[in-house]
C-alpha atoms as a PDB file:
ATOM      1  CA  MET A   1     -61.154  -9.755-114.764  1.00  0.00           C
ATOM      2  CA  GLN A   2     -61.945 -11.580-118.024  1.00  0.00           C
ATOM      3  CA  PHE A   3     -61.969  -9.257-121.019  1.00  0.00           C
ATOM      4  CA  ILE A   4     -62.314 -12.188-123.422  1.00  0.00           C
ATOM      5  CA  LYS A   5     -64.306 -15.389-122.899  1.00  0.00           C
ATOM      6  CA  PRO A   6     -62.196 -18.231-121.445  1.00  0.00           C
ATOM      7  CA  ASP A   7     -63.293 -20.661-124.186  1.00  0.00           C
ATOM      8  CA  VAL A   8     -62.144 -18.449-127.075  1.00  0.00           C
ATOM      9  CA  ASN A   9     -60.160 -20.341-129.696  1.00  0.00           C
ATOM     10  CA  ILE A  10     -58.514 -18.066-132.266  1.00  0.00           C
ATOM     11  CA  ASP A  11     -56.063 -19.824-134.569  1.00  0.00           C
ATOM     12  CA  PHE A  12     -53.034 -17.571-134.023  1.00  0.00           C
ATOM     13  CA  VAL A  13     -50.521 -20.272-134.899  1.00  0.00           C
ATOM     14  CA  GLY A  14     -52.302 -21.005-138.181  1.00  0.00           C
ATOM     15  CA  LYS A  15     -51.875 -17.358-139.224  1.00  0.00           C
ATOM     16  CA  ARG A  16     -48.197 -17.200-138.306  1.00  0.00           C
ATOM     17  CA  LYS A  17     -47.007 -17.230-141.952  1.00  0.00           C
ATOM     18  CA  ILE A  18     -49.039 -14.116-142.762  1.00  0.00           C
ATOM     19  CA  ALA A  19     -47.720 -12.432-139.622  1.00  0.00           C
ATOM     20  CA  LEU A  20     -44.136 -13.359-140.486  1.00  0.00           C
ATOM     21  CA  LEU A  21     -44.608 -11.879-143.953  1.00  0.00           C
ATOM     22  CA  VAL A  22     -45.882  -8.587-142.491  1.00  0.00           C
ATOM     23  CA  SER A  23     -42.936  -8.443-140.076  1.00  0.00           C
ATOM     24  CA  ALA A  24     -40.465  -9.193-142.869  1.00  0.00           C
ATOM     25  CA  VAL A  25     -41.863  -6.375-145.026  1.00  0.00           C
ATOM     26  CA  VAL A  26     -41.615  -3.817-142.188  1.00  0.00           C
ATOM     27  CA  ILE A  27     -38.115  -4.889-141.131  1.00  0.00           C
ATOM     28  CA  VAL A  28     -36.736  -5.038-144.686  1.00  0.00           C
ATOM     29  CA  ALA A  29     -38.214  -1.624-145.478  1.00  0.00           C
ATOM     30  CA  GLY A  30     -36.588  -0.188-142.363  1.00  0.00           C
ATOM     31  CA  LEU A  31     -33.215  -1.783-143.092  1.00  0.00           C
ATOM     32  CA  VAL A  32     -33.266  -0.527-146.683  1.00  0.00           C
ATOM     33  CA  TYR A  33     -34.169   2.993-145.522  1.00  0.00           C
ATOM     34  CA  MET A  34     -31.391   2.978-142.903  1.00  0.00           C
ATOM     35  CA  ALA A  35     -28.898   1.652-145.454  1.00  0.00           C
ATOM     36  CA  LEU A  36     -29.766   4.429-147.910  1.00  0.00           C
ATOM     37  CA  PHE A  37     -30.286   7.383-145.565  1.00  0.00           C
ATOM     38  CA  GLY A  38     -29.019   6.196-142.175  1.00  0.00           C
ATOM     39  CA  LEU A  39     -30.409   7.024-138.754  1.00  0.00           C
ATOM     40  CA  ASN A  40     -30.901  10.643-137.769  1.00  0.00           C
ATOM     41  CA  TYR A  41     -28.479  10.558-134.840  1.00  0.00           C
ATOM     42  CA  GLY A  42     -28.830  13.143-132.121  1.00  0.00           C
ATOM     43  CA  ILE A  43     -26.084  15.376-130.804  1.00  0.00           C
ATOM     44  CA  GLU A  44     -25.096  12.818-128.177  1.00  0.00           C
ATOM     45  CA  PHE A  45     -23.985  10.418-130.912  1.00  0.00           C
ATOM     46  CA  LYS A  46     -22.645  12.611-133.702  1.00  0.00           C
ATOM     47  CA  GLY A  47     -21.461  15.636-131.733  1.00  0.00           C
ATOM     48  CA  GLY A  48     -22.492  19.285-131.740  1.00  0.00           C
ATOM     49  CA  THR A  49     -22.585  22.430-129.640  1.00  0.00           C
ATOM     50  CA  GLU A  50     -24.273  22.950-126.284  1.00  0.00           C
ATOM     51  CA  VAL A  51     -25.425  26.435-125.273  1.00  0.00           C
ATOM     52  CA  ARG A  52     -26.950  27.152-121.860  1.00  0.00           C
ATOM     53  CA  ILE A  53     -28.945  30.364-121.376  1.00  0.00           C
ATOM     54  CA  LYS A  54     -31.289  31.858-118.789  1.00  0.00           C
ATOM     55  CA  PHE A  55     -34.250  34.208-119.317  1.00  0.00           C
ATOM     56  CA  GLU A  56     -35.373  36.844-116.864  1.00  0.00           C
ATOM     57  CA  LYS A  57     -39.061  36.168-117.589  1.00  0.00           C
ATOM     58  CA  PRO A  58     -40.840  32.880-118.388  1.00  0.00           C
ATOM     59  CA  ILE A  59     -41.182  31.959-122.053  1.00  0.00           C
ATOM     60  CA  LYS A  60     -42.770  29.213-124.143  1.00  0.00           C
ATOM     61  CA  ILE A  61     -40.261  26.533-125.062  1.00  0.00           C
ATOM     62  CA  ASN A  62     -41.884  25.914-128.461  1.00  0.00           C
ATOM     63  CA  LYS A  63     -41.352  29.552-129.414  1.00  0.00           C
ATOM     64  CA  LEU A  64     -37.683  29.316-128.379  1.00  0.00           C
ATOM     65  CA  ARG A  65     -37.252  26.157-130.459  1.00  0.00           C
ATOM     66  CA  SER A  66     -38.823  27.822-133.493  1.00  0.00           C
ATOM     67  CA  SER A  67     -36.487  30.762-133.106  1.00  0.00           C
ATOM     68  CA  ILE A  68     -33.402  28.548-133.129  1.00  0.00           C
ATOM     69  CA  GLU A  69     -34.700  26.428-136.033  1.00  0.00           C
ATOM     70  CA  ALA A  70     -34.341  29.515-138.222  1.00  0.00           C
ATOM     71  CA  LEU A  71     -30.558  29.117-137.780  1.00  0.00           C
ATOM     72  CA  TYR A  72     -29.958  25.394-137.181  1.00  0.00           C
ATOM     73  CA  ARG A  73     -31.851  22.278-138.220  1.00  0.00           C
ATOM     74  CA  SER A  74     -33.535  20.122-135.539  1.00  0.00           C
ATOM     75  CA  PRO A  75     -32.241  21.796-132.368  1.00  0.00           C
ATOM     76  CA  ASP A  76     -32.810  20.063-129.055  1.00  0.00           C
ATOM     77  CA  VAL A  77     -34.109  22.456-126.384  1.00  0.00           C
ATOM     78  CA  GLN A  78     -34.535  21.320-122.780  1.00  0.00           C
ATOM     79  CA  THR A  79     -35.465  23.078-119.568  1.00  0.00           C
ATOM     80  CA  ILE A  80     -33.445  22.830-116.356  1.00  0.00           C
ATOM     81  CA  GLY A  81     -35.755  22.296-113.414  1.00  0.00           C
ATOM     82  CA  ASN A  82     -38.513  24.847-112.853  1.00  0.00           C
ATOM     83  CA  SER A  83     -36.309  27.838-113.595  1.00  0.00           C
ATOM     84  CA  ASN A  84     -36.132  29.905-116.768  1.00  0.00           C
ATOM     85  CA  GLU A  85     -32.860  28.230-117.729  1.00  0.00           C
ATOM     86  CA  TYR A  86     -32.552  26.250-120.958  1.00  0.00           C
ATOM     87  CA  VAL A  87     -30.001  23.980-122.613  1.00  0.00           C
ATOM     88  CA  ILE A  88     -29.822  24.160-126.415  1.00  0.00           C
ATOM     89  CA  TYR A  89     -28.088  21.513-128.533  1.00  0.00           C
ATOM     90  CA  VAL A  90     -27.371  22.099-132.211  1.00  0.00           C
ATOM     91  CA  ASN A  91     -25.904  19.660-134.716  1.00  0.00           C
ATOM     92  CA  LYS A  92     -22.848  21.673-135.607  1.00  0.00           C
ATOM     93  CA  ILE A  93     -19.407  20.414-134.654  1.00  0.00           C
ATOM     94  CA  VAL A  94     -16.817  23.175-134.218  1.00  0.00           C
ATOM     95  CA  GLU A  95     -13.724  23.813-132.182  1.00  0.00           C
ATOM     96  CA  ASN A  96     -14.129  25.230-128.689  1.00  0.00           C
ATOM     97  CA  THR A  97     -12.870  28.601-129.919  1.00  0.00           C
ATOM     98  CA  GLN A  98     -15.542  28.730-132.633  1.00  0.00           C
ATOM     99  CA  SER A  99     -18.417  27.613-130.405  1.00  0.00           C
ATOM    100  CA  LYS A 100     -18.638  31.168-128.982  1.00  0.00           C
ATOM    101  CA  SER A 101     -19.515  32.516-132.417  1.00  0.00           C
ATOM    102  CA  ILE A 102     -22.403  30.050-132.614  1.00  0.00           C
ATOM    103  CA  ALA A 103     -23.581  31.211-129.194  1.00  0.00           C
ATOM    104  CA  SER A 104     -23.377  34.872-130.188  1.00  0.00           C
ATOM    105  CA  ASP A 105     -25.385  34.280-133.388  1.00  0.00           C
ATOM    106  CA  MET A 106     -27.942  32.338-131.396  1.00  0.00           C
ATOM    107  CA  LEU A 107     -28.236  35.057-128.726  1.00  0.00           C
ATOM    108  CA  ALA A 108     -28.713  37.756-131.343  1.00  0.00           C
ATOM    109  CA  LYS A 109     -31.593  35.809-132.915  1.00  0.00           C
ATOM    110  CA  ILE A 110     -33.215  35.015-129.557  1.00  0.00           C
ATOM    111  CA  LYS A 111     -32.999  38.634-128.351  1.00  0.00           C
ATOM    112  CA  LYS A 112     -34.665  39.720-131.560  1.00  0.00           C
ATOM    113  CA  ASP A 113     -37.525  37.240-131.078  1.00  0.00           C
ATOM    114  CA  PHE A 114     -37.878  37.906-127.340  1.00  0.00           C
ATOM    115  CA  PRO A 115     -37.625  41.694-126.927  1.00  0.00           C
ATOM    116  CA  GLY A 116     -37.757  43.074-123.396  1.00  0.00           C
ATOM    117  CA  ASN A 117     -36.604  39.789-121.854  1.00  0.00           C
ATOM    118  CA  ARG A 118     -33.078  39.779-120.455  1.00  0.00           C
ATOM    119  CA  ILE A 119     -30.974  36.778-121.515  1.00  0.00           C
ATOM    120  CA  ASP A 120     -27.815  35.584-119.763  1.00  0.00           C
ATOM    121  CA  LEU A 121     -25.330  33.238-121.428  1.00  0.00           C
ATOM    122  CA  ARG A 122     -24.350  30.625-118.829  1.00  0.00           C
ATOM    123  CA  SER A 123     -22.021  28.286-120.743  1.00  0.00           C
ATOM    124  CA  VAL A 124     -20.956  27.077-124.177  1.00  0.00           C
ATOM    125  CA  ASN A 125     -19.543  23.577-124.782  1.00  0.00           C
ATOM    126  CA  SER A 126     -18.513  21.643-127.857  1.00  0.00           C
ATOM    127  CA  ILE A 127     -19.272  17.889-128.046  1.00  0.00           C
ATOM    128  CA  GLY A 128     -16.792  16.149-130.337  1.00  0.00           C
ATOM    129  CA  PRO A 129     -17.442  13.116-132.576  1.00  0.00           C
ATOM    130  CA  LYS A 130     -15.218  10.884-130.399  1.00  0.00           C
ATOM    131  CA  PHE A 131     -17.676  11.247-127.545  1.00  0.00           C
ATOM    132  CA  GLY A 132     -20.484  10.206-129.885  1.00  0.00           C
ATOM    133  CA  LYS A 133     -18.584   7.092-130.991  1.00  0.00           C
ATOM    134  CA  THR A 134     -18.054   6.133-127.352  1.00  0.00           C
ATOM    135  CA  LEU A 135     -21.788   6.449-126.699  1.00  0.00           C
ATOM    136  CA  LYS A 136     -22.589   4.320-129.748  1.00  0.00           C
ATOM    137  CA  SER A 137     -20.284   1.519-128.619  1.00  0.00           C
ATOM    138  CA  LYS A 138     -21.692   1.629-125.088  1.00  0.00           C
ATOM    139  CA  ALA A 139     -25.256   1.560-126.430  1.00  0.00           C
ATOM    140  CA  ILE A 140     -24.535  -1.522-128.540  1.00  0.00           C
ATOM    141  CA  LEU A 141     -22.747  -3.159-125.606  1.00  0.00           C
ATOM    142  CA  SER A 142     -25.703  -2.546-123.281  1.00  0.00           C
ATOM    143  CA  ILE A 143     -28.113  -4.206-125.733  1.00  0.00           C
ATOM    144  CA  ILE A 144     -25.765  -7.204-126.188  1.00  0.00           C
ATOM    145  CA  ILE A 145     -25.399  -7.671-122.413  1.00  0.00           C
ATOM    146  CA  ALA A 146     -29.173  -7.463-121.936  1.00  0.00           C
ATOM    147  CA  THR A 147     -29.707 -10.051-124.693  1.00  0.00           C
ATOM    148  CA  ILE A 148     -27.193 -12.493-123.187  1.00  0.00           C
ATOM    149  CA  ALA A 149     -28.730 -12.102-119.724  1.00  0.00           C
ATOM    150  CA  ILE A 150     -32.194 -12.811-121.144  1.00  0.00           C
ATOM    151  CA  LEU A 151     -30.874 -15.859-123.019  1.00  0.00           C
ATOM    152  CA  ILE A 152     -29.430 -17.290-119.791  1.00  0.00           C
ATOM    153  CA  TYR A 153     -32.531 -16.486-117.731  1.00  0.00           C
ATOM    154  CA  VAL A 154     -35.037 -18.066-120.132  1.00  0.00           C
ATOM    155  CA  SER A 155     -32.775 -21.104-120.679  1.00  0.00           C
ATOM    156  CA  VAL A 156     -32.618 -21.717-116.918  1.00  0.00           C
ATOM    157  CA  ARG A 157     -36.302 -21.119-116.253  1.00  0.00           C
ATOM    158  CA  PHE A 158     -37.585 -22.993-119.312  1.00  0.00           C
ATOM    159  CA  ARG A 159     -35.370 -24.587-121.966  1.00  0.00           C
ATOM    160  CA  PHE A 160     -32.888 -23.338-124.506  1.00  0.00           C
ATOM    161  CA  ARG A 161     -35.353 -23.481-127.406  1.00  0.00           C
ATOM    162  CA  PHE A 162     -37.677 -21.180-125.444  1.00  0.00           C
ATOM    163  CA  ALA A 163     -34.773 -18.756-125.031  1.00  0.00           C
ATOM    164  CA  ILE A 164     -34.159 -18.768-128.780  1.00  0.00           C
ATOM    165  CA  GLY A 165     -37.791 -17.839-129.393  1.00  0.00           C
ATOM    166  CA  ALA A 166     -37.615 -15.005-126.853  1.00  0.00           C
ATOM    167  CA  ILE A 167     -34.405 -13.601-128.382  1.00  0.00           C
ATOM    168  CA  ILE A 168     -35.825 -13.719-131.921  1.00  0.00           C
ATOM    169  CA  ALA A 169     -38.902 -11.832-130.675  1.00  0.00           C
ATOM    170  CA  LEU A 170     -36.716  -9.194-128.985  1.00  0.00           C
ATOM    171  CA  ILE A 171     -34.609  -8.694-132.119  1.00  0.00           C
ATOM    172  CA  HIS A 172     -37.844  -8.358-134.083  1.00  0.00           C
ATOM    173  CA  ASP A 173     -39.137  -5.646-131.711  1.00  0.00           C
ATOM    174  CA  VAL A 174     -35.885  -3.668-131.821  1.00  0.00           C
ATOM    175  CA  LEU A 175     -35.720  -3.767-135.634  1.00  0.00           C
ATOM    176  CA  VAL A 176     -39.384  -2.779-136.033  1.00  0.00           C
ATOM    177  CA  THR A 177     -38.939   0.148-133.629  1.00  0.00           C
ATOM    178  CA  LEU A 178     -35.782   1.318-135.391  1.00  0.00           C
ATOM    179  CA  ALA A 179     -37.561   1.028-138.756  1.00  0.00           C
ATOM    180  CA  PHE A 180     -40.358   3.367-137.668  1.00  0.00           C
ATOM    181  CA  VAL A 181     -37.949   5.780-135.944  1.00  0.00           C
ATOM    182  CA  ALA A 182     -35.858   5.985-139.126  1.00  0.00           C
ATOM    183  CA  ILE A 183     -38.739   6.257-141.599  1.00  0.00           C
ATOM    184  CA  PHE A 184     -40.516   8.961-139.561  1.00  0.00           C
ATOM    185  CA  ASP A 185     -37.190  10.819-139.181  1.00  0.00           C
ATOM    186  CA  PHE A 186     -37.044  10.950-135.392  1.00  0.00           C
ATOM    187  CA  GLN A 187     -33.649  11.739-133.927  1.00  0.00           C
ATOM    188  CA  PHE A 188     -31.967   8.709-132.400  1.00  0.00           C
ATOM    189  CA  THR A 189     -31.057  10.079-128.979  1.00  0.00           C
ATOM    190  CA  LEU A 190     -30.287   8.616-125.568  1.00  0.00           C
ATOM    191  CA  GLN A 191     -33.998   8.870-124.825  1.00  0.00           C
ATOM    192  CA  ILE A 192     -34.863   6.544-127.706  1.00  0.00           C
ATOM    193  CA  LEU A 193     -32.075   4.199-126.621  1.00  0.00           C
ATOM    194  CA  ALA A 194     -33.681   4.092-123.160  1.00  0.00           C
ATOM    195  CA  ALA A 195     -37.041   3.402-124.832  1.00  0.00           C
ATOM    196  CA  ILE A 196     -35.559   0.446-126.746  1.00  0.00           C
ATOM    197  CA  LEU A 197     -34.156  -1.076-123.542  1.00  0.00           C
ATOM    198  CA  THR A 198     -37.574  -0.596-121.929  1.00  0.00           C
ATOM    199  CA  ILE A 199     -39.220  -2.312-124.898  1.00  0.00           C
ATOM    200  CA  ILE A 200     -36.888  -5.303-124.505  1.00  0.00           C
ATOM    201  CA  GLY A 201     -37.983  -5.751-120.897  1.00  0.00           C
ATOM    202  CA  TYR A 202     -41.671  -5.256-121.686  1.00  0.00           C
ATOM    203  CA  SER A 203     -41.645  -7.685-124.604  1.00  0.00           C
ATOM    204  CA  LEU A 204     -39.842 -10.309-122.536  1.00  0.00           C
ATOM    205  CA  ASN A 205     -42.464 -10.036-119.794  1.00  0.00           C
ATOM    206  CA  ASP A 206     -45.267 -10.727-122.295  1.00  0.00           C
ATOM    207  CA  THR A 207     -43.346 -13.649-123.777  1.00  0.00           C
ATOM    208  CA  ILE A 208     -42.636 -15.220-120.364  1.00  0.00           C
ATOM    209  CA  VAL A 209     -46.350 -15.153-119.490  1.00  0.00           C
ATOM    210  CA  VAL A 210     -47.213 -17.078-122.671  1.00  0.00           C
ATOM    211  CA  TYR A 211     -44.296 -19.494-122.212  1.00  0.00           C
ATOM    212  CA  ASP A 212     -45.349 -20.229-118.635  1.00  0.00           C
ATOM    213  CA  ARG A 213     -48.855 -21.106-119.803  1.00  0.00           C
ATOM    214  CA  ILE A 214     -47.456 -23.336-122.571  1.00  0.00           C
ATOM    215  CA  ARG A 215     -45.428 -25.257-119.994  1.00  0.00           C
ATOM    216  CA  GLU A 216     -48.435 -25.544-117.701  1.00  0.00           C
ATOM    217  CA  ASN A 217     -50.665 -26.844-120.495  1.00  0.00           C
ATOM    218  CA  ILE A 218     -48.068 -29.445-121.417  1.00  0.00           C
ATOM    219  CA  ARG A 219     -47.978 -30.647-117.828  1.00  0.00           C
ATOM    220  CA  LEU A 220     -51.769 -30.815-117.498  1.00  0.00           C
ATOM    221  CA  SER A 221     -52.430 -32.381-120.891  1.00  0.00           C
ATOM    222  CA  LYS A 222     -54.530 -35.576-120.497  1.00  0.00           C
ATOM    223  CA  ARG A 223     -54.689 -36.719-124.093  1.00  0.00           C
ATOM    224  CA  LYS A 224     -52.595 -36.896-127.235  1.00  0.00           C
ATOM    225  CA  ILE A 225     -52.464 -33.401-128.733  1.00  0.00           C
ATOM    226  CA  THR A 226     -50.275 -31.632-131.259  1.00  0.00           C
ATOM    227  CA  PHE A 227     -47.758 -29.075-130.037  1.00  0.00           C
ATOM    228  CA  ASP A 228     -49.215 -26.295-132.182  1.00  0.00           C
ATOM    229  CA  LYS A 229     -52.583 -26.759-130.443  1.00  0.00           C
ATOM    230  CA  ILE A 230     -50.884 -26.533-127.049  1.00  0.00           C
ATOM    231  CA  ILE A 231     -49.271 -23.238-128.105  1.00  0.00           C
ATOM    232  CA  ASN A 232     -52.506 -21.888-129.563  1.00  0.00           C
ATOM    233  CA  ARG A 233     -54.432 -22.756-126.408  1.00  0.00           C
ATOM    234  CA  ALA A 234     -51.834 -21.002-124.247  1.00  0.00           C
ATOM    235  CA  ILE A 235     -52.005 -17.824-126.352  1.00  0.00           C
ATOM    236  CA  ASN A 236     -55.810 -17.791-126.181  1.00  0.00           C
ATOM    237  CA  GLU A 237     -55.819 -18.359-122.420  1.00  0.00           C
ATOM    238  CA  THR A 238     -53.483 -15.392-121.846  1.00  0.00           C
ATOM    239  CA  LEU A 239     -55.138 -13.179-124.473  1.00  0.00           C
ATOM    240  CA  SER A 240     -57.355 -11.342-121.983  1.00  0.00           C
ATOM    241  CA  ARG A 241     -54.397 -10.517-119.757  1.00  0.00           C
ATOM    242  CA  THR A 242     -52.313  -9.426-122.769  1.00  0.00           C
ATOM    243  CA  ILE A 243     -54.970  -7.052-124.102  1.00  0.00           C
ATOM    244  CA  LEU A 244     -55.663  -5.488-120.702  1.00  0.00           C
ATOM    245  CA  THR A 245     -51.987  -4.990-119.844  1.00  0.00           C
ATOM    246  CA  SER A 246     -50.962  -3.685-123.257  1.00  0.00           C
ATOM    247  CA  GLY A 247     -54.107  -1.575-123.606  1.00  0.00           C
ATOM    248  CA  THR A 248     -53.660   0.283-120.323  1.00  0.00           C
ATOM    249  CA  THR A 249     -49.954   0.822-121.064  1.00  0.00           C
ATOM    250  CA  LEU A 250     -50.737   2.153-124.519  1.00  0.00           C
ATOM    251  CA  LEU A 251     -53.248   4.633-123.092  1.00  0.00           C
ATOM    252  CA  VAL A 252     -50.509   6.192-120.972  1.00  0.00           C
ATOM    253  CA  ILE A 253     -48.032   6.261-123.872  1.00  0.00           C
ATOM    254  CA  ILE A 254     -50.601   7.863-126.209  1.00  0.00           C
ATOM    255  CA  VAL A 255     -51.217  10.615-123.641  1.00  0.00           C
ATOM    256  CA  LEU A 256     -47.453  11.184-123.382  1.00  0.00           C
ATOM    257  CA  PHE A 257     -47.120  11.269-127.157  1.00  0.00           C
ATOM    258  CA  PHE A 258     -49.810  13.891-127.729  1.00  0.00           C
ATOM    259  CA  PHE A 259     -49.553  15.955-124.543  1.00  0.00           C
ATOM    260  CA  GLY A 260     -46.072  15.290-123.172  1.00  0.00           C
ATOM    261  CA  GLY A 261     -44.388  17.968-125.241  1.00  0.00           C
ATOM    262  CA  SER A 262     -41.753  17.825-127.947  1.00  0.00           C
ATOM    263  CA  VAL A 263     -38.948  16.978-125.503  1.00  0.00           C
ATOM    264  CA  ILE A 264     -40.210  13.400-125.018  1.00  0.00           C
ATOM    265  CA  HIS A 265     -41.938  13.108-128.389  1.00  0.00           C
ATOM    266  CA  GLY A 266     -39.366  10.700-129.817  1.00  0.00           C
ATOM    267  CA  PHE A 267     -39.215   8.701-126.579  1.00  0.00           C
ATOM    268  CA  SER A 268     -43.003   8.217-126.427  1.00  0.00           C
ATOM    269  CA  PHE A 269     -43.167   7.394-130.159  1.00  0.00           C
ATOM    270  CA  ALA A 270     -40.541   4.640-129.773  1.00  0.00           C
ATOM    271  CA  LEU A 271     -42.396   3.230-126.760  1.00  0.00           C
ATOM    272  CA  LEU A 272     -45.691   3.327-128.648  1.00  0.00           C
ATOM    273  CA  ILE A 273     -44.306   1.317-131.564  1.00  0.00           C
ATOM    274  CA  GLY A 274     -42.322  -0.989-129.280  1.00  0.00           C
ATOM    275  CA  ILE A 275     -45.242  -1.959-127.047  1.00  0.00           C
ATOM    276  CA  ILE A 276     -47.449  -2.736-130.042  1.00  0.00           C
ATOM    277  CA  SER A 277     -44.629  -4.759-131.594  1.00  0.00           C
ATOM    278  CA  GLY A 278     -43.851  -6.492-128.275  1.00  0.00           C
ATOM    279  CA  THR A 279     -47.455  -7.614-127.832  1.00  0.00           C
ATOM    280  CA  TYR A 280     -47.591  -8.760-131.458  1.00  0.00           C
ATOM    281  CA  SER A 281     -44.283 -10.663-131.253  1.00  0.00           C
ATOM    282  CA  SER A 282     -45.224 -12.541-128.067  1.00  0.00           C
ATOM    283  CA  ILE A 283     -48.197 -13.967-129.987  1.00  0.00           C
ATOM    284  CA  TYR A 284     -46.931 -14.392-133.547  1.00  0.00           C
ATOM    285  CA  ILE A 285     -43.134 -14.626-133.219  1.00  0.00           C
ATOM    286  CA  ALA A 286     -41.892 -16.002-129.888  1.00  0.00           C
ATOM    287  CA  SER A 287     -44.376 -18.872-129.506  1.00  0.00           C
ATOM    288  CA  PRO A 288     -44.579 -20.115-133.127  1.00  0.00           C
ATOM    289  CA  VAL A 289     -40.757 -20.219-133.238  1.00  0.00           C
ATOM    290  CA  LEU A 290     -40.993 -23.228-130.894  1.00  0.00           C
ATOM    291  CA  LEU A 291     -42.602 -25.191-133.736  1.00  0.00           C
ATOM    292  CA  MET A 292     -39.325 -24.925-135.647  1.00  0.00           C
ATOM    293  CA  PHE A 293     -37.821 -27.240-133.030  1.00  0.00           C
ATOM    294  CA  LYS A 294     -40.814 -29.588-132.663  1.00  0.00           C
ATOM    295  CA  LYS A 295     -42.530 -29.738-136.017  1.00  0.00           C
ATOM    296  CA  ASN A 296     -45.416 -32.250-136.261  1.00  0.00           C
ATOM    297  CA  SER A 297     -44.757 -33.446-132.707  1.00  0.00           C
ATOM    298  CA  TYR A 298     -47.343 -34.627-130.234  1.00  0.00           C
ATOM    299  CA  ILE A 299     -47.766 -34.225-126.522  1.00  0.00           C
ATOM    300  CA  GLU A 300     -48.496 -37.674-125.150  1.00  0.00           C
ATOM    301  CA  SER A 301     -49.910 -37.809-121.649  1.00  0.00           C
ATOM    302  CA  ASN A 302     -50.274 -41.579-121.224  1.00  0.00           C
ATOM    303  CA  THR A 303     -47.465 -43.445-122.921  1.00  0.00           C
ATOM    304  CA  VAL A 304     -46.913 -47.106-122.451  1.00  0.00           C
ATOM    305  CA  THR A 305     -44.220 -47.923-119.935  1.00  0.00           C
ATOM    306  CA  ASN A 306     -41.135 -49.832-120.829  1.00  0.00           C
ATOM    307  CA  ASN A 307     -42.107 -53.466-121.398  1.00  0.00           C
ATOM    308  CA  LYS A 308     -38.581 -54.772-121.156  1.00  0.00           C
ATOM    309  CA  GLU A 309     -38.454 -56.895-118.049  1.00  0.00           C
ATOM    310  CA  ALA A 310     -35.837 -59.249-116.732  1.00  0.00           C
ATOM    311  CA  PRO A 311     -36.133 -62.815-118.146  1.00  0.00           C
ATOM    312  CA  ASN A 312     -36.526 -64.404-114.707  1.00  0.00           C
ATOM    313  CA  GLN A 313     -39.416 -62.059-113.883  1.00  0.00           C
ATOM    314  CA  GLN A 314     -41.198 -63.015-117.100  1.00  0.00           C
ATOM    315  CA  GLU A 315     -40.738 -66.718-116.366  1.00  0.00           C
ATOM    316  CA  LYS A 316     -42.184 -66.321-112.876  1.00  0.00           C
ATOM    317  CA  LYS A 317     -45.243 -64.518-114.237  1.00  0.00           C
ATOM    318  CA  GLU A 318     -45.822 -67.270-116.810  1.00  0.00           C
ATOM    319  CA  GLN A 319     -45.846 -69.905-114.042  1.00  0.00           C
ATOM    320  CA  LYS A 320     -48.556 -68.093-112.058  1.00  0.00           C
ATOM    321  CA  PRO A 321     -52.254 -69.027-112.406  1.00  0.00           C
ATOM    322  CA  GLN A 322     -54.442 -67.321-114.972  1.00  0.00           C
ATOM    323  CA  LYS A 323     -56.219 -65.184-112.389  1.00  0.00           C
ATOM    324  CA  LYS A 324     -52.982 -63.828-111.057  1.00  0.00           C
ATOM    325  CA  GLN A 325     -51.827 -63.041-114.584  1.00  0.00           C
ATOM    326  CA  THR A 326     -54.949 -61.023-115.105  1.00  0.00           C
ATOM    327  CA  SER A 327     -54.495 -59.169-111.847  1.00  0.00           C
ATOM    328  CA  SER A 328     -50.846 -58.431-112.577  1.00  0.00           C
ATOM    329  CA  ALA A 329     -51.804 -57.137-116.006  1.00  0.00           C
ATOM    330  CA  GLY A 330     -54.339 -54.869-114.363  1.00  0.00           C
ATOM    331  CA  LYS A 331     -51.651 -53.599-112.039  1.00  0.00           C
ATOM    332  CA  ARG A 332     -49.355 -52.893-114.945  1.00  0.00           C
ATOM    333  CA  ARG A 333     -52.130 -50.941-116.635  1.00  0.00           C
ATOM    334  CA  SER A 334     -52.846 -48.950-113.483  1.00  0.00           C
ATOM    335  CA  SER A 335     -49.182 -48.169-112.982  1.00  0.00           C
ATOM    336  CA  LYS A 336     -48.764 -46.373-116.281  1.00  0.00           C
ATOM    337  CA  LYS A 337     -46.599 -43.348-115.864  1.00  0.00           C
ATOM    338  CA  ILE A 338     -47.315 -39.955-117.346  1.00  0.00           C
ATOM    339  CA  ALA A 339     -44.601 -38.883-119.738  1.00  0.00           C
ATOM    340  CA  TYR A 340     -44.373 -35.671-121.709  1.00  0.00           C
ATOM    341  CA  LYS A 341     -42.553 -35.185-124.955  1.00  0.00           C
ATOM    342  CA  VAL A 342     -42.002 -31.496-125.704  1.00  0.00           C
END
């Protein structure tokens, strides 16, 4: 299915400086915001109190969340299966002995807001800051391992300079996503961490498709052409596929964002920003980065072969008749080898 005409020729590479400026503004704004105010870490990372309760009758989770918000800021409320059991996380670190007082205050408020509905307290747990630090280190380690694996994979399949472009694009996508998560004050939870790892894989897939077409166009090139034109042609040839794939994925994410409920609101928001950024970076970041390694270079399809021949061979050719010299010259012209300089 062709969403865009095959002969389209949009100068993406020529607009790369404008795109880089836009990316720099977004990333710098996000870094400045995070430096001044920091990320809004969830309970998993900074610790808190976990309270598990069960209702006798079904309730609306949004009403339960609003009830708890009157006591604690930004509580995380999740259901357990299809039952009337809920897990409530609040950002208040206390000792295990004091966590029961939090639970009792919470139960008193919930019973007041849900009269006639029996509530059973199942468990109360305190999550310390050490556990949050362990999660942070493991999260950073997982991203580093994924980046190294991608670097090795792209280097083996293509070349090292292609891997550098892919890694720069992935770093760009992660920073852009974190910038929007921080500025819009979404809690950085394990769900958003999972979304970032998903974004890394999605962005890499888009980049590999473009890289594969660049390599194919280099191989099939039949005339002298600049490297930036090869890249631009590859992006245009894969543009239809990129729009269709990203568009259908975005439709699903938008539905999740608006109708998936508050539990996955942050997760779907991170995916929404990440997929847009991943599509953008595969066009304006990953591919133009290759020009940093081959600036003003040409792809030559028919280069002259090495004219250095052994002296005795040259002497023999000079002794041959004129007709044979002409025929041997024709053979040399017909035996030109195709060489590619990338």
